[in-house]
Protein backbone atom coordinates (compact mmCIF):
# COMPACT_ATOMS: atom_id res chain seq x y z
CA MET A 1 21.62 -22.43 34.39
CA ILE A 2 21.03 -20.33 31.09
CA ASP A 3 20.61 -22.70 28.11
CA LEU A 4 22.63 -20.83 25.23
CA GLY A 5 21.54 -22.84 22.31
CA LEU A 6 17.90 -22.22 23.30
CA GLN A 7 18.59 -18.42 23.96
CA LEU A 8 20.00 -18.31 20.48
CA ASP A 9 17.49 -20.10 18.67
CA LEU A 10 14.60 -17.65 20.88
CA SER A 11 16.30 -14.76 19.66
CA VAL A 12 16.56 -15.81 15.70
CA ARG A 13 12.83 -16.22 16.18
CA ILE A 14 12.46 -12.27 17.12
CA VAL A 15 14.75 -11.53 14.60
CA VAL A 16 12.96 -13.15 11.53
CA ALA A 17 9.55 -11.93 13.12
CA ALA A 18 10.89 -8.64 12.86
CA ALA A 19 12.50 -8.99 9.26
CA LEU A 20 8.91 -10.35 8.48
CA GLY A 21 6.99 -7.42 9.92
CA LEU A 22 9.49 -5.03 7.99
CA ALA A 23 8.24 -6.56 4.88
CA VAL A 24 4.44 -5.95 5.54
CA GLY A 25 5.52 -2.31 6.74
CA PHE A 26 7.67 -1.77 3.58
CA GLU A 27 4.27 -1.94 1.35
CA ARG A 28 2.49 0.21 3.95
CA GLU A 29 5.31 2.90 4.05
CA ILE A 30 5.79 3.50 0.30
CA HIS A 31 2.10 3.98 0.03
CA GLY A 32 1.91 6.66 2.62
CA HIS A 33 0.04 4.72 5.42
CA PRO A 34 0.63 6.50 8.95
CA ALA A 35 1.59 2.94 10.26
CA GLY A 36 4.56 1.66 8.39
CA LEU A 37 8.05 0.24 8.63
CA ARG A 38 8.70 0.65 12.55
CA THR A 39 5.16 0.03 13.72
CA HIS A 40 4.75 -3.06 11.71
CA MET A 41 8.11 -4.45 12.72
CA LEU A 42 7.66 -3.66 16.35
CA VAL A 43 4.07 -5.43 16.27
CA SER A 44 5.80 -8.49 14.84
CA SER A 45 8.95 -8.51 17.22
CA GLY A 46 6.70 -7.54 20.25
CA SER A 47 4.08 -10.49 19.17
CA ALA A 48 7.04 -12.80 18.90
CA LEU A 49 8.74 -11.89 22.20
CA PHE A 50 5.33 -12.34 24.14
CA THR A 51 4.84 -15.49 22.54
CA VAL A 52 8.38 -16.63 23.35
CA LEU A 53 8.02 -15.58 26.74
CA SER A 54 5.04 -17.19 27.34
CA ALA A 55 6.01 -20.77 25.84
CA TYR A 56 9.37 -20.30 27.78
CA GLY A 57 9.59 -17.73 30.16
CA PHE A 58 8.01 -19.49 32.85
CA ALA A 59 8.80 -23.13 32.39
CA GLY A 60 11.37 -23.33 35.25
CA GLU A 61 8.76 -22.17 38.16
CA PRO A 62 10.10 -24.02 40.99
CA ASN A 63 6.65 -24.50 42.41
CA ALA A 64 5.42 -27.70 40.61
CA ALA A 65 1.86 -27.09 42.25
CA VAL A 66 1.58 -24.11 39.71
CA VAL A 67 0.21 -24.99 36.45
CA VAL A 68 1.58 -22.78 33.62
CA ASP A 69 -0.40 -22.47 30.74
CA PRO A 70 2.05 -21.54 27.84
CA THR A 71 -0.46 -19.48 25.86
CA ARG A 72 -1.98 -17.54 28.02
CA ILE A 73 0.04 -14.34 27.08
CA ALA A 74 0.08 -14.96 23.76
CA ALA A 75 -3.96 -15.18 23.75
CA GLN A 76 -3.74 -11.55 24.97
CA ILE A 77 -1.78 -10.13 21.69
CA VAL A 78 -4.85 -10.72 19.58
CA SER A 79 -7.36 -8.66 22.26
CA GLY A 80 -4.34 -6.01 22.95
CA ILE A 81 -3.53 -5.40 19.08
CA GLY A 82 -6.87 -4.23 18.68
CA PHE A 83 -5.61 -0.42 20.48
CA LEU A 84 -2.93 -0.03 17.92
CA GLY A 85 -5.29 -0.89 15.05
CA ALA A 86 -7.82 1.24 16.63
CA GLY A 87 -5.55 4.22 16.42
CA ALA A 88 -4.88 3.34 12.77
CA ILE A 89 -8.39 4.29 11.84
CA LEU A 90 -8.98 7.58 10.94
CA LYS A 91 -12.08 9.70 9.69
CA ASP A 92 -11.66 12.05 7.33
CA GLY A 93 -15.04 13.85 6.47
CA VAL A 94 -17.25 11.02 5.86
CA VAL A 95 -14.72 8.79 4.60
CA ILE A 96 -13.38 6.09 6.89
CA ARG A 97 -9.60 5.24 6.25
CA GLY A 98 -7.12 3.08 7.74
CA LEU A 99 -8.88 -0.37 7.94
CA THR A 100 -6.54 -1.93 5.53
CA THR A 101 -3.70 -0.92 7.66
CA ALA A 102 -5.58 -1.99 10.98
CA ALA A 103 -6.08 -5.23 9.32
CA SER A 104 -2.36 -5.58 8.35
CA LEU A 105 -1.10 -4.89 11.83
CA TRP A 106 -3.48 -7.69 13.52
CA ALA A 107 -2.01 -9.98 10.62
CA THR A 108 1.47 -8.82 11.62
CA SER A 109 1.18 -9.48 15.14
CA ALA A 110 0.01 -13.25 14.02
CA ILE A 111 2.90 -13.16 12.01
CA GLY A 112 5.04 -12.44 14.86
CA MET A 113 3.29 -15.31 16.79
CA ALA A 114 4.12 -17.75 14.16
CA ALA A 115 7.77 -16.99 14.14
CA GLY A 116 7.95 -16.87 17.78
CA ALA A 117 6.64 -20.11 18.16
CA GLY A 118 9.00 -21.31 15.66
CA GLU A 119 6.68 -22.01 12.67
CA TYR A 120 9.01 -20.09 10.25
CA ILE A 121 7.22 -21.41 7.01
CA ILE A 122 3.65 -20.57 8.24
CA GLY A 123 4.94 -16.99 9.01
CA VAL A 124 6.96 -16.52 5.47
CA VAL A 125 3.60 -17.99 4.01
CA ALA A 126 1.49 -15.57 6.07
CA THR A 127 3.65 -12.41 4.75
CA ALA A 128 3.56 -13.27 1.38
CA THR A 129 -0.23 -13.55 1.69
CA VAL A 130 -0.60 -10.46 3.34
CA LEU A 131 1.72 -8.79 0.59
CA VAL A 132 -0.43 -10.26 -2.14
CA SER A 133 -3.29 -8.84 -0.43
CA LEU A 134 -2.05 -5.39 -0.04
CA TRP A 135 -0.56 -4.80 -3.20
CA PRO A 136 -1.69 -6.98 -6.27
CA ILE A 137 -5.34 -7.80 -4.91
CA ASN A 138 -5.57 -4.01 -4.04
CA ALA A 139 -4.49 -3.19 -7.90
CA LEU A 140 -7.48 -5.30 -8.60
CA ALA A 141 -9.72 -3.69 -6.30
CA GLU A 142 -9.11 -0.37 -7.61
CA ARG A 143 -9.42 -1.42 -11.18
CA LEU A 144 -12.83 -3.10 -10.62
CA HIS A 145 -13.86 0.28 -8.87
CA GLY A 146 -13.04 1.98 -12.21
CA SER A 147 -9.96 3.95 -10.94
CA SER A 148 -8.83 4.37 -14.26
CA ILE A 149 -11.42 7.14 -14.46
CA PRO A 150 -10.06 10.57 -13.19
CA ALA A 151 -11.20 11.75 -10.22
CA VAL A 152 -13.60 14.86 -10.41
CA GLN A 153 -13.27 17.98 -7.96
CA LEU A 154 -16.69 19.39 -7.34
CA ARG A 155 -16.72 23.10 -5.91
CA LEU A 156 -20.03 23.56 -4.41
CA SER A 157 -21.88 26.90 -2.85
CA LEU A 158 -24.23 25.92 -0.03
CA ASP A 159 -26.49 28.25 2.12
CA ARG A 160 -26.30 26.07 5.18
CA LEU A 161 -23.84 23.61 5.98
CA GLU A 162 -26.55 20.71 7.01
CA VAL A 163 -27.00 20.54 3.00
CA LEU A 164 -23.78 18.77 2.61
CA GLY A 165 -24.86 15.42 4.24
CA GLU A 166 -27.67 15.39 1.39
CA VAL A 167 -24.74 15.64 -0.99
CA THR A 168 -22.54 13.11 0.54
CA GLY A 169 -25.89 10.66 0.79
CA LEU A 170 -26.75 11.20 -2.75
CA LEU A 171 -23.12 9.97 -3.68
CA VAL A 172 -22.90 6.92 -1.42
CA LYS A 173 -26.36 5.88 -2.68
CA GLN A 174 -25.21 5.96 -6.32
CA ARG A 175 -22.20 4.44 -5.24
CA LEU A 176 -19.47 6.92 -5.82
CA GLU A 177 -16.20 7.02 -4.25
CA ILE A 178 -15.57 10.22 -2.19
CA GLY A 179 -12.41 11.27 -1.70
CA GLN A 180 -11.30 14.34 0.28
CA ILE A 181 -13.92 16.78 1.69
CA SER A 182 -13.16 20.50 2.70
CA THR A 183 -15.39 23.22 3.99
CA THR A 184 -15.12 27.01 4.03
CA ARG A 185 -17.48 29.40 5.56
CA LEU A 186 -17.50 32.68 3.29
CA GLY A 187 -20.26 34.53 4.98
CA LYS A 188 -23.58 34.08 6.99
CA ASN A 189 -25.28 31.59 5.53
CA THR A 190 -22.68 30.88 3.07
CA TYR A 191 -20.46 28.04 2.78
CA ARG A 192 -18.16 26.71 0.17
CA ALA A 193 -17.04 22.99 0.00
CA ASP A 194 -14.84 20.96 -2.23
CA ILE A 195 -15.63 17.05 -2.99
CA THR A 196 -13.63 14.80 -4.81
CA ILE A 197 -15.52 11.92 -6.21
CA ARG A 198 -14.72 9.01 -8.42
CA GLY A 199 -17.00 6.80 -10.23
CA ARG A 200 -17.08 3.64 -12.52
CA THR A 201 -18.03 5.51 -15.75
CA PRO A 202 -18.03 9.42 -16.63
CA SER A 203 -21.85 9.00 -17.30
CA VAL A 204 -22.35 8.02 -13.11
CA ILE A 205 -20.54 11.03 -12.49
CA SER A 206 -22.41 13.15 -14.74
CA ASN A 207 -26.01 11.97 -13.34
CA ALA A 208 -24.68 12.73 -9.91
CA ILE A 209 -23.56 15.82 -10.72
CA ALA A 210 -27.13 16.54 -12.17
CA ASP A 211 -28.89 15.34 -9.05
CA ILE A 212 -26.42 17.45 -6.74
CA ASP A 213 -27.85 20.58 -8.83
CA ASP A 214 -31.23 19.76 -7.97
CA ILE A 215 -30.68 19.97 -4.41
CA ALA A 216 -32.08 23.17 -2.89
CA GLY A 217 -29.83 25.12 -1.41
CA VAL A 218 -26.65 23.67 -3.22
CA ASP A 219 -25.38 25.36 -6.39
CA ILE A 220 -22.56 23.67 -8.19
CA ILE A 221 -19.65 26.73 -8.78
CA SER A 222 -17.15 24.66 -10.88
CA SER A 223 -16.49 20.67 -11.68
CA SER A 224 -13.02 19.66 -13.12
CA THR A 225 -10.78 16.71 -13.30
CA ALA A 226 -8.66 16.30 -10.20
CA ASP A 227 -4.87 16.42 -10.76
């Protein structure tokens, strides 16, 4: 016989998990990340559902000789969520993007598991912690990395595409943040590259530009503050 009280309690857990996942997804959505409201909501509610099924779905097995481990299904969520996390990680030139979103999906799955297990307070606290790490802590990190310094847009002329690796290697060595990189072939042995960089101080950027100009096969066409 169906226990309506238990079914209602389990349904509430899934709804709470969906709401908590929605809160994390909202932050990702407003900042334009690929995994937003729907993805985080589905991850959280799905994790809660798997947790609920793992704990209660097989409790009524008629064969008493079968020992059911209530954590078996839930344990697979941790490894299974890695597929979604890997899909959120993108490579944009030499820049890797999406690591934070992948981590937020992983954390959201844990939030869903907490709600599914009926640990509402832990789930709410974990949600608040994740939001703090994504918002205020991110702002602090940007400030520490000198994000208040305007980004600089470099336009380079290259005699071979391989020399772009030397340019980016130099920028990484000097700990400059590399933004978007685009290349255009203008003709035989002639390429144009547009690179957005950001540094902690204007002098660091100026020194990097001077070093780039010394690389054989590279000519700086223009440098300007990025919009």
